[in-house]
Protein backbone atom coordinates (compact mmCIF):
# COMPACT_ATOMS: atom_id res chain seq x y z
CA MET A 1 2.47 20.39 -19.47
CA ASN A 2 0.01 22.38 -21.32
CA SER A 3 0.27 19.96 -23.98
CA VAL A 4 -0.63 16.86 -21.97
CA LEU A 5 -3.06 18.05 -20.09
CA GLU A 6 -4.73 19.63 -23.40
CA GLY A 7 -4.82 16.14 -24.99
CA PHE A 8 -6.36 14.30 -21.40
CA ARG A 9 -9.02 16.91 -21.48
CA HIS A 10 -9.63 16.52 -25.56
CA ILE A 11 -9.95 12.44 -24.96
CA SER A 12 -12.01 12.90 -21.67
CA LYS A 13 -14.71 15.67 -23.72
CA ASN A 14 -15.08 13.03 -26.70
CA CYS A 15 -15.48 9.96 -24.20
CA PRO A 16 -17.67 10.57 -21.50
CA LYS A 17 -16.78 9.28 -18.25
CA VAL A 18 -18.62 5.90 -16.97
CA LYS A 19 -19.15 6.26 -13.02
CA THR A 20 -19.20 2.60 -11.34
CA CYS A 21 -19.56 1.63 -7.91
CA PHE A 22 -17.98 -1.22 -6.41
CA PRO A 23 -19.88 -4.47 -6.61
CA ASN A 24 -22.18 -4.82 -3.50
CA ILE A 25 -20.89 -8.56 -1.99
CA SER A 26 -23.85 -10.43 -1.31
CA ALA A 27 -24.55 -14.41 -0.65
CA SER A 28 -26.63 -15.45 -3.96
CA ALA A 29 -28.53 -18.61 -3.87
CA SER A 30 -25.85 -20.05 -5.86
CA GLN A 31 -23.21 -18.79 -3.12
CA ASN A 32 -25.23 -20.41 -0.46
CA LYS A 33 -25.21 -23.76 -2.22
CA LEU A 34 -21.41 -23.39 -1.83
CA ILE A 35 -21.25 -22.75 1.53
CA SER A 36 -21.50 -26.61 2.80
CA ALA A 37 -18.80 -27.31 0.70
CA ARG A 38 -16.41 -24.50 1.31
CA ARG A 39 -17.00 -25.49 5.19
CA GLN A 40 -15.30 -28.70 4.60
CA SER A 41 -12.31 -26.78 2.82
CA CYS A 42 -12.25 -24.75 6.01
CA LEU A 43 -11.87 -27.69 8.90
CA SER A 44 -8.88 -27.73 9.95
CA SER A 45 -7.27 -31.18 10.30
CA ASP A 46 -7.54 -31.04 14.21
CA THR A 47 -11.27 -30.19 13.40
CA LYS A 48 -11.63 -33.41 11.25
CA HIS A 49 -9.97 -35.73 13.89
CA ILE A 50 -12.62 -34.44 16.38
CA HIS A 51 -15.27 -35.60 13.90
CA GLN A 52 -14.07 -39.00 13.99
CA LEU A 53 -13.66 -39.35 17.70
CA LYS A 54 -17.32 -37.84 17.57
CA PHE A 55 -18.92 -41.62 18.40
CA VAL A 56 -16.79 -42.10 20.68
CA THR A 57 -16.30 -39.36 22.67
CA ARG A 58 -19.81 -38.11 22.53
CA GLU A 59 -20.17 -37.43 26.29
CA PRO A 60 -16.90 -34.66 26.82
CA LEU A 61 -18.04 -32.79 23.31
CA ILE A 62 -21.50 -32.19 24.76
CA ILE A 63 -20.24 -30.50 28.25
CA LEU A 64 -17.83 -28.56 25.90
CA ARG A 65 -20.50 -27.14 23.80
CA LYS A 66 -22.78 -26.37 26.91
CA TYR A 67 -19.40 -24.50 28.83
CA SER A 68 -18.89 -22.63 25.15
CA THR A 69 -22.26 -21.77 25.30
CA LYS A 70 -22.29 -20.13 29.00
CA MET A 71 -19.07 -18.18 28.29
CA THR A 72 -19.93 -14.54 26.89
CA PRO A 73 -17.97 -13.80 23.23
CA LEU A 74 -14.64 -11.73 23.46
CA LEU A 75 -12.88 -10.13 20.55
CA THR A 76 -9.05 -10.28 21.39
CA VAL A 77 -6.27 -8.21 19.19
CA ASN A 78 -2.98 -8.53 20.10
CA PRO A 79 -0.14 -7.03 20.55
CA LYS A 80 -1.97 -4.61 23.15
CA ARG A 81 0.26 -1.15 22.27
CA HIS A 82 0.75 1.69 20.25
CA LEU A 83 -0.07 -0.22 17.04
CA LEU A 84 1.95 0.88 13.31
CA VAL A 85 0.01 0.00 10.38
CA ASP A 86 2.58 -2.51 9.10
CA ASP A 87 2.22 -4.19 12.64
CA LYS A 88 0.67 -8.24 11.77
CA LEU A 89 -2.45 -8.68 14.28
CA SER A 90 -3.58 -11.41 15.47
CA ILE A 91 -7.36 -11.25 16.17
CA SER A 92 -9.42 -14.14 17.78
CA ILE A 93 -12.50 -14.31 18.99
CA SER A 94 -13.63 -16.67 21.98
CA GLY A 95 -16.88 -17.68 24.09
CA LEU A 96 -18.99 -18.62 21.10
CA LYS A 97 -20.83 -21.90 20.30
CA GLY A 98 -18.95 -24.86 18.31
CA ARG A 99 -19.80 -25.08 15.25
CA GLU A 100 -21.91 -22.18 14.87
CA LYS A 101 -21.27 -19.92 11.53
CA ILE A 102 -20.19 -16.10 12.02
CA THR A 103 -19.56 -13.10 9.96
CA VAL A 104 -16.63 -11.05 11.08
CA HIS A 105 -17.13 -7.50 9.81
CA ALA A 106 -14.82 -4.92 10.08
CA HIS A 107 -15.73 -0.81 9.53
CA MET A 108 -13.15 2.71 9.17
CA GLU A 109 -14.07 5.64 7.73
CA GLU A 110 -10.66 8.36 7.31
CA ASP A 111 -11.50 11.80 6.19
CA ASP A 112 -15.08 11.29 5.13
CA LYS A 113 -14.25 8.04 3.16
CA LYS A 114 -16.22 4.96 4.29
CA PHE A 115 -14.42 1.32 4.05
CA GLU A 116 -15.24 -1.93 4.95
CA SER A 117 -14.69 -5.46 4.57
CA PHE A 118 -16.24 -8.93 6.03
CA GLY A 119 -15.20 -12.99 6.56
CA TRP A 120 -17.49 -15.79 6.80
CA PHE A 121 -15.91 -18.48 9.34
CA GLU A 122 -17.17 -21.59 11.12
CA VAL A 123 -16.82 -21.45 14.98
CA GLY A 124 -14.07 -24.93 16.03
CA TYR A 125 -15.77 -26.82 18.52
CA ASP A 126 -14.06 -25.25 21.18
CA GLY A 127 -15.68 -22.03 20.71
CA GLN A 128 -12.91 -20.20 19.04
CA VAL A 129 -12.04 -18.66 15.70
CA ASP A 130 -8.44 -17.50 15.30
CA LEU A 131 -7.48 -15.23 11.89
CA THR A 132 -4.14 -16.41 12.15
CA LYS A 133 -5.17 -19.65 11.63
CA SER A 134 -8.72 -20.18 10.64
CA ALA A 135 -9.95 -19.63 6.81
CA SER A 136 -12.47 -17.17 5.58
CA CYS A 137 -14.86 -19.18 3.35
CA GLY A 138 -16.75 -16.17 1.67
CA GLY A 139 -16.53 -12.28 2.17
CA THR A 140 -14.04 -9.65 0.30
CA TYR A 141 -11.41 -12.49 1.15
CA GLU A 142 -11.21 -16.10 1.45
CA GLY A 143 -8.60 -18.04 3.21
CA VAL A 144 -6.26 -17.21 6.26
CA SER A 145 -5.04 -14.21 6.23
CA SER A 146 -4.31 -12.60 10.04
CA MET A 147 -5.09 -9.44 8.51
CA GLY A 148 -7.59 -9.81 5.24
CA LEU A 149 -10.35 -7.76 7.07
CA PHE A 150 -7.90 -4.52 6.43
CA TRP A 151 -5.82 -5.37 2.93
CA SER A 152 -9.70 -6.15 1.57
CA MET A 153 -11.42 -3.22 2.27
CA VAL A 154 -13.62 -2.03 -0.22
CA PRO A 155 -15.76 1.83 -0.15
CA CYS A 156 -18.88 1.83 0.97
CA PRO A 157 -21.73 2.54 -1.26
CA GLY A 158 -22.99 5.90 -1.65
CA GLN A 159 -19.56 7.37 -1.99
CA MET A 160 -17.97 9.58 -5.06
CA ASP A 161 -16.53 6.83 -7.38
CA GLY A 162 -12.61 5.91 -7.39
CA ILE A 163 -11.84 7.24 -3.60
CA ARG A 164 -8.38 6.07 -2.37
CA LEU A 165 -7.64 5.86 1.27
CA MET A 166 -4.94 7.86 1.65
CA LYS A 167 -3.71 9.11 5.43
CA LYS A 168 -3.60 12.68 5.40
CA ASN A 169 -3.20 13.64 9.10
CA ILE A 170 -0.18 11.91 10.59
CA GLU A 171 -0.80 12.85 14.40
CA THR A 172 -4.15 10.52 14.30
CA PRO A 173 -5.01 6.56 13.46
CA PHE A 174 -6.70 4.79 11.32
CA LYS A 175 -9.79 3.68 13.58
CA THR A 176 -11.31 0.37 12.42
CA VAL A 177 -14.15 -1.31 14.58
CA LEU A 178 -14.77 -5.05 14.11
CA SER A 179 -17.48 -6.81 14.94
CA VAL A 180 -19.08 -10.56 15.03
CA HIS A 181 -22.06 -11.81 13.98
CA GLU A 182 -24.30 -14.97 13.81
CA GLY A 183 -24.67 -16.50 10.28
CA TYR A 184 -23.27 -15.61 7.24
CA GLN A 185 -24.18 -12.21 6.58
CA SER A 186 -23.29 -10.07 3.25
CA LEU A 187 -22.59 -6.44 3.66
CA ASP A 188 -26.10 -5.37 2.24
CA GLN A 189 -27.08 -7.66 5.39
CA LEU A 190 -24.97 -5.93 7.57
CA ARG A 191 -25.58 -3.02 6.73
CA GLU A 192 -29.57 -2.77 7.23
CA SER A 193 -29.64 -5.11 10.21
CA ALA A 194 -30.13 -4.28 13.40
CA GLY A 195 -29.64 -7.13 14.67
CA GLU A 196 -27.54 -8.50 17.74
CA ILE A 197 -23.84 -7.65 17.57
CA LEU A 198 -22.03 -10.33 19.78
CA CYS A 199 -18.99 -9.16 20.23
CA SER A 200 -16.67 -5.53 18.91
CA THR A 201 -14.03 -3.74 19.40
CA GLU A 202 -11.94 -0.59 17.86
CA ILE A 203 -8.89 -0.72 16.72
CA GLU A 204 -6.42 1.94 16.17
CA ARG A 205 -2.87 1.64 13.81
CA PHE A 206 -0.78 4.61 13.59
CA TYR A 207 1.69 5.87 10.59
CA LYS A 208 3.98 7.62 13.09
CA ALA A 209 5.27 5.88 16.33
CA GLN A 210 4.95 7.47 19.62
CA ALA A 211 8.47 9.39 19.99
CA VAL A 212 9.10 10.17 16.52
CA LYS A 213 9.75 13.54 15.43
CA LYS A 214 8.63 16.14 13.00
CA VAL A 215 10.61 18.62 11.42
CA GLU A 216 8.92 21.28 8.71
CA VAL A 217 11.57 22.18 5.96
CA THR A 218 11.88 25.47 4.63
CA ASP A 219 15.58 25.56 3.23
CA GLY A 220 16.26 28.09 0.51
CA ARG A 221 13.84 26.45 -2.47
CA LEU A 222 13.30 23.40 -0.35
CA ARG A 223 9.89 22.49 0.91
CA GLY A 224 8.55 19.72 2.71
CA MET A 225 8.37 17.43 6.02
CA LEU A 226 11.51 15.51 7.89
CA TYR A 227 10.87 12.90 10.03
CA LEU A 228 13.56 11.68 12.53
CA PRO A 229 13.47 8.66 14.57
CA PRO A 230 13.85 9.37 18.73
CA GLY A 231 17.18 9.40 19.86
CA PRO A 232 20.21 11.79 18.96
CA GLY A 233 21.02 9.50 15.12
CA PRO A 234 22.33 9.53 13.93
CA TYR A 235 20.00 7.91 11.32
CA PRO A 236 20.21 6.54 7.58
CA GLY A 237 18.63 9.27 5.79
CA VAL A 238 15.72 8.92 2.99
CA ILE A 239 14.10 11.04 0.22
CA ASP A 240 10.58 10.24 -0.23
CA LEU A 241 8.79 11.27 -3.40
CA PHE A 242 5.52 10.91 -4.71
CA GLY A 243 4.25 11.24 -8.51
CA THR A 244 2.01 13.37 -10.79
CA VAL A 245 -0.91 13.76 -7.72
CA GLY A 246 1.66 16.92 -6.36
CA GLY A 247 1.42 18.20 -3.31
CA ILE A 248 3.16 16.73 0.40
CA VAL A 249 2.31 13.55 1.41
CA GLU A 250 3.53 11.92 4.33
CA PHE A 251 1.87 8.58 5.87
CA ARG A 252 5.57 6.55 4.17
CA SER A 253 7.89 9.18 5.81
CA ALA A 254 6.40 8.42 8.87
CA LEU A 255 6.32 4.96 9.20
CA LEU A 256 9.90 5.16 7.67
CA ALA A 257 10.95 6.90 10.83
CA SER A 258 9.17 4.32 13.25
CA ARG A 259 11.07 1.99 11.86
CA GLY A 260 14.13 3.49 12.47
CA ILE A 261 14.99 5.65 8.55
CA ALA A 262 15.01 9.49 8.51
CA SER A 263 13.22 9.93 5.59
CA PHE A 264 12.35 13.57 4.32
CA ALA A 265 9.03 13.81 2.32
CA LEU A 266 9.48 16.16 -0.43
CA PRO A 267 6.69 17.70 -2.25
CA TYR A 268 8.54 19.42 -5.81
CA PHE A 269 5.15 21.14 -7.05
CA ARG A 270 1.50 21.90 -6.33
CA TYR A 271 2.92 23.01 -2.58
CA LYS A 272 3.34 26.32 -1.18
CA ASP A 273 5.50 28.45 -3.24
CA LEU A 274 6.98 25.19 -5.21
CA PRO A 275 6.12 25.13 -9.33
CA ALA A 276 2.68 24.58 -10.44
CA SER A 277 3.16 22.18 -13.19
CA LEU A 278 5.41 19.84 -13.60
CA ASP A 279 7.42 21.06 -16.56
CA GLU A 280 8.65 24.07 -14.46
CA ILE A 281 10.44 21.55 -12.15
CA ASP A 282 14.47 21.02 -12.65
CA LEU A 283 16.81 18.03 -10.80
CA ASP A 284 18.92 20.81 -9.28
CA TYR A 285 16.21 20.87 -6.53
CA PHE A 286 16.37 17.06 -5.52
CA MET A 287 20.72 17.79 -5.41
CA GLU A 288 19.83 20.62 -2.73
CA ALA A 289 17.59 17.80 -0.78
CA ILE A 290 20.37 15.82 -1.42
CA ASP A 291 23.00 17.83 0.39
CA TYR A 292 20.18 19.42 2.76
CA LEU A 293 20.24 15.74 4.77
CA LEU A 294 24.27 15.00 4.56
CA LYS A 295 24.51 18.84 6.40
CA ARG A 296 22.82 17.66 9.61
CA ASP A 297 24.54 16.20 12.62
CA ASP A 298 21.63 13.83 12.90
CA ILE A 299 22.27 11.51 9.35
CA ILE A 300 25.15 9.22 8.63
CA GLN A 301 27.71 10.59 6.22
CA ASN A 302 27.42 7.63 4.33
CA GLY A 303 25.31 8.95 1.49
CA VAL A 304 21.25 8.89 1.21
CA GLY A 305 18.47 6.76 -0.02
CA VAL A 306 15.25 7.83 -2.19
CA VAL A 307 12.30 6.01 -2.52
CA GLY A 308 9.63 6.66 -5.44
CA VAL A 309 6.95 5.67 -6.86
CA SER A 310 5.24 6.20 -10.06
CA LYS A 311 6.83 10.44 -11.38
CA GLY A 312 8.63 9.87 -8.07
CA GLY A 313 10.16 6.91 -8.84
CA ASP A 314 11.74 8.00 -12.17
CA ILE A 315 13.00 10.78 -10.45
CA ALA A 316 14.91 8.75 -7.82
CA LEU A 317 16.83 6.75 -10.47
CA MET A 318 17.27 10.05 -12.35
CA MET A 319 19.27 11.48 -9.17
CA ALA A 320 20.82 8.14 -8.66
CA THR A 321 22.11 8.55 -12.40
CA HIS A 322 23.78 11.83 -11.61
CA ASN A 323 24.95 12.06 -7.90
CA PRO A 324 27.34 9.68 -6.49
CA LYS A 325 25.77 10.65 -3.08
CA VAL A 326 22.81 8.09 -3.65
CA ARG A 327 23.49 5.15 -2.34
CA ALA A 328 19.90 3.71 -2.66
CA VAL A 329 17.10 3.56 -4.74
CA VAL A 330 13.53 2.08 -4.26
CA ASN A 331 11.93 2.76 -7.82
CA ILE A 332 8.23 1.41 -7.29
CA ASN A 333 6.58 1.31 -10.59
CA GLY A 334 8.41 3.92 -12.11
CA CYS A 335 9.73 4.82 -15.84
CA THR A 336 13.36 4.02 -16.28
CA PHE A 337 13.97 7.03 -18.50
CA CYS A 338 12.52 10.57 -18.46
CA ALA A 339 8.42 10.00 -18.70
CA SER A 340 6.32 12.51 -20.35
CA TYR A 341 7.83 16.20 -18.82
CA PRO A 342 11.14 17.14 -19.75
CA MET A 343 13.81 18.05 -16.64
CA LYS A 344 15.72 21.11 -16.11
CA TYR A 345 19.22 20.31 -15.16
CA SER A 346 22.40 22.28 -14.80
CA GLY A 347 24.39 19.85 -16.16
CA GLY A 348 22.14 19.76 -19.22
CA ASP A 349 18.67 19.22 -19.52
CA ILE A 350 17.19 16.04 -19.70
CA PRO A 351 14.85 15.38 -22.56
CA GLU A 352 11.37 13.64 -21.91
CA VAL A 353 9.29 10.88 -24.05
CA ARG A 354 6.40 11.99 -24.85
CA LEU A 355 3.05 10.46 -24.22
CA ASN A 356 2.00 9.02 -27.88
CA MET A 357 -1.76 9.31 -27.18
CA GLU A 358 -3.03 7.94 -29.93
CA LYS A 359 -2.41 4.72 -28.02
CA MET A 360 -3.97 5.59 -24.58
CA GLU A 361 -7.15 2.94 -23.91
CA LEU A 362 -10.18 3.72 -22.26
CA ILE A 363 -11.81 0.96 -20.19
CA ASP A 364 -15.07 1.06 -18.40
CA GLY A 365 -14.58 5.47 -18.79
CA ARG A 366 -11.22 5.34 -17.06
CA PHE A 367 -8.05 5.72 -18.75
CA ALA A 368 -5.07 3.00 -18.87
CA THR A 369 -1.73 4.51 -20.08
CA LYS A 370 0.52 2.04 -19.61
CA SER A 371 1.60 1.54 -23.88
CA THR A 372 1.63 5.52 -24.31
CA LEU A 373 4.99 6.10 -24.09
CA ASP A 374 7.46 4.58 -26.63
CA TYR A 375 10.81 4.34 -25.62
CA THR A 376 14.24 3.05 -26.48
CA PRO A 377 17.35 1.69 -25.26
CA ASP A 378 18.90 5.12 -25.82
CA ASP A 379 16.13 6.83 -23.07
CA ILE A 380 17.20 4.53 -20.74
CA PHE A 381 18.84 5.85 -17.08
CA LYS A 382 22.25 5.16 -17.07
CA VAL A 383 21.99 4.19 -13.66
CA TRP A 384 24.84 1.97 -13.14
CA LYS A 385 27.25 4.73 -13.92
CA HIS A 386 27.53 5.05 -10.28
CA ASP A 387 27.56 2.39 -7.42
CA ALA A 388 23.85 2.47 -5.95
CA LYS A 389 22.04 -0.42 -5.07
CA VAL A 390 18.74 0.01 -6.99
CA LEU A 391 15.43 -2.07 -5.70
CA ASN A 392 13.19 -2.13 -8.37
CA ILE A 393 9.26 -2.90 -7.23
CA LEU A 394 7.46 -4.24 -10.39
CA SER A 395 3.82 -5.14 -10.67
CA GLU A 396 2.95 -7.18 -13.09
CA ASP A 397 -0.94 -6.20 -13.52
CA ASP A 398 0.35 -2.30 -13.30
CA MET A 399 -2.53 -0.36 -16.10
CA CYS A 400 -0.42 3.09 -15.27
CA SER A 401 3.36 2.77 -16.27
CA PRO A 402 5.33 0.17 -19.20
CA LYS A 403 6.53 -2.68 -16.62
CA GLU A 404 9.00 -3.68 -19.29
CA CYS A 405 11.50 -0.82 -19.30
CA ILE A 406 12.34 -2.16 -15.96
CA ARG A 407 13.24 -4.98 -17.45
CA LEU A 408 14.86 -3.35 -19.69
CA LEU A 409 16.99 -1.50 -17.16
CA HIS A 410 18.34 -4.36 -15.87
CA SER A 411 19.10 -5.79 -19.18
CA LEU A 412 21.54 -3.19 -20.06
CA TYR A 413 23.47 -3.32 -16.55
CA PRO A 414 27.03 -4.01 -17.23
CA SER A 415 27.61 -7.68 -16.12
CA LYS A 416 30.31 -6.23 -12.77
CA LYS A 417 27.61 -4.34 -11.85
CA VAL A 418 24.27 -6.42 -12.57
CA HIS A 419 24.10 -7.51 -8.91
CA ASN A 420 23.10 -3.34 -7.74
CA CYS A 421 19.92 -3.50 -9.71
CA ILE A 422 17.57 -6.20 -8.49
CA VAL A 423 14.49 -6.70 -9.86
CA ALA A 424 11.10 -7.47 -7.77
CA ALA A 425 8.04 -8.90 -9.50
CA TYR A 426 4.62 -9.46 -8.41
CA LYS A 427 1.98 -11.23 -10.20
CA GLY A 428 -1.45 -9.37 -9.75
CA ALA A 429 -0.30 -6.24 -8.43
CA GLY A 430 -1.14 -3.04 -9.90
CA HIS A 431 0.70 0.72 -10.09
CA LEU A 432 -0.08 2.12 -5.82
CA VAL A 433 2.53 -0.78 -3.85
CA GLU A 434 2.46 1.22 -0.59
CA PRO A 435 3.23 -0.07 2.90
CA PRO A 436 1.37 -2.86 4.05
CA TYR A 437 -2.24 -4.07 5.56
CA THR A 438 -3.63 -1.46 3.41
CA PRO A 439 -6.74 -1.85 1.04
CA LEU A 440 -5.83 -2.13 -3.07
CA CYS A 441 -6.84 1.16 -4.87
CA SER A 442 -7.69 0.20 -8.47
CA TYR A 443 -8.30 2.97 -10.12
CA SER A 444 -9.56 6.71 -8.97
CA TYR A 445 -9.52 9.95 -9.94
CA HIS A 446 -6.46 12.21 -10.95
CA LYS A 447 -6.91 15.71 -10.26
CA THR A 448 -4.04 16.87 -11.65
CA PHE A 449 -5.02 15.40 -15.33
CA ASP A 450 -8.99 15.73 -13.97
CA ILE A 451 -10.07 11.96 -15.44
CA PHE A 452 -10.60 8.94 -13.63
CA MET A 453 -6.99 6.40 -14.03
CA TRP A 454 -6.52 2.61 -13.98
CA TRP A 455 -3.66 1.49 -11.74
CA GLY A 456 -4.63 -1.98 -11.92
CA GLY A 457 -4.17 -4.75 -9.04
CA LYS A 458 -6.02 -7.80 -7.69
CA PRO A 459 -6.54 -7.50 -3.77
CA ALA A 460 -4.91 -10.74 -2.57
CA ASP A 461 -2.17 -10.73 -5.25
CA HIS A 462 -1.72 -6.90 -4.38
CA ALA A 463 -1.29 -7.04 -0.42
CA PHE A 464 0.95 -10.00 -0.61
CA ALA A 465 3.24 -7.28 -2.73
CA GLN A 466 3.08 -4.29 -0.19
CA GLU A 467 3.83 -6.84 2.74
CA ASP A 468 6.89 -8.69 0.99
CA SER A 469 7.88 -5.04 -0.91
CA TRP A 470 8.05 -3.08 2.33
CA TRP A 471 10.43 -5.30 4.41
CA ARG A 472 12.29 -5.30 1.09
CA ILE A 473 12.69 -1.80 1.20
CA LEU A 474 13.70 -1.37 4.72
CA GLU A 475 16.33 -4.26 4.98
CA LEU A 476 17.76 -2.30 1.74
CA PHE A 477 18.38 1.19 3.34
CA HIS A 478 19.15 -0.34 6.52
CA GLU A 479 21.74 -1.99 5.16
CA GLN A 480 23.37 0.41 2.57
CA LEU A 481 23.15 3.33 4.48
CA GLY A 482 23.73 2.20 7.74
CA GLN A 483 21.91 0.99 10.93
CA THR A 484 20.11 4.03 13.01
CA ILE A 485 21.67 3.81 16.78
CA SER A 486 18.51 4.14 18.29
CA HIS A 487 15.23 2.88 16.97
CA ALA A 488 11.67 3.66 17.29
CA LYS A 489 9.36 3.29 21.01
CA LEU A 490 6.35 2.10 20.08
């Protein structure tokens, strides 16, 4: 690992970091000229029909307008219960003036990090805006998306460059304040203005359902946190791995348990008494985690699943290659070979494909590593040796991992087993594909390597990838590992 770190630091010292903040989205003169054109595209067919009837039914329309102006604006969110992050919400505003222009602003703070988003809407003749049907004509997202205000969030200015929204305290919710303002306003105007707020509400969204149980694991060498759905079980069991950031990351395990899947958030370096660096880890540690889950009475004895992103994806495929007890794997933009660091193993050490530092790309002061690994077909894990079902999440705009290695894995599968290897490719998605309705992180500071790294992705495309892949992941684990006896109470 030291050689890898030295390589990063050498490049970093000779190529000064360039700090750039997310651009403020403001309404320029040219944008204002487009508003009237965008308004027409945002009108529904029903609204256009009302325009046609206006000259015939003028009096009822006047009455409707007078009625709507007397109402107090109201912001409504459904469903009304303990909400999870992956719940798709219905957000509507009523009691507005017909044909009025409004801005809906969303703001949240998490762990001293601030994020915000906004959308422009034109109110219908009935005085309502329904985000499940009404298109945003401008803002951090455009078009119809009931969750657009959540996935299109950007960091507020004045913060450290390259921040990432990541939930650390699973017991607390993401708190998002929605507010409605008159006219089309930019983020700069919303921050500077002390103008009237027509209506507002706060939305709380959790990764953990109320009845989910949390168990700290200290078993032999194993460390981590096990999340269990409510009831006695048994449940399908999954091991949850993240990448080279190190430490423990629990939010995905909490959400999996909330959807009926027991999930073991397993750190493997830079946590408590675990190894300090990646070149000290061994595959036997992960095999021990498999046995730990399967010896529990509350886990279905049908094998385990493994989900991993980035380096965690490499390890997930490695586990399935060497242990038939792994029945289902989700590889999220991980390499399909042993990348960057060798893996010690009692069954025979696994050599690494080394980073080629000369192929490192520096773009706007941030590093892209997608072309730095010179692998061959002989390096690809022979996952087909056993019968694990593998779902590969492949992001076409990934700037970190070499995406073609996933397609190569699929091509190497024997014809009789190729049905076990699924590739779900997503145009415009970046490296960090996480549970849905959370904002894209296209780059961030990597504390292990002490550099800024590009992850890639385009917000709307990435949002689609996160939503679609999440339900594929849940379906795979439930189908391959067995249905849980009891489901989380929300």
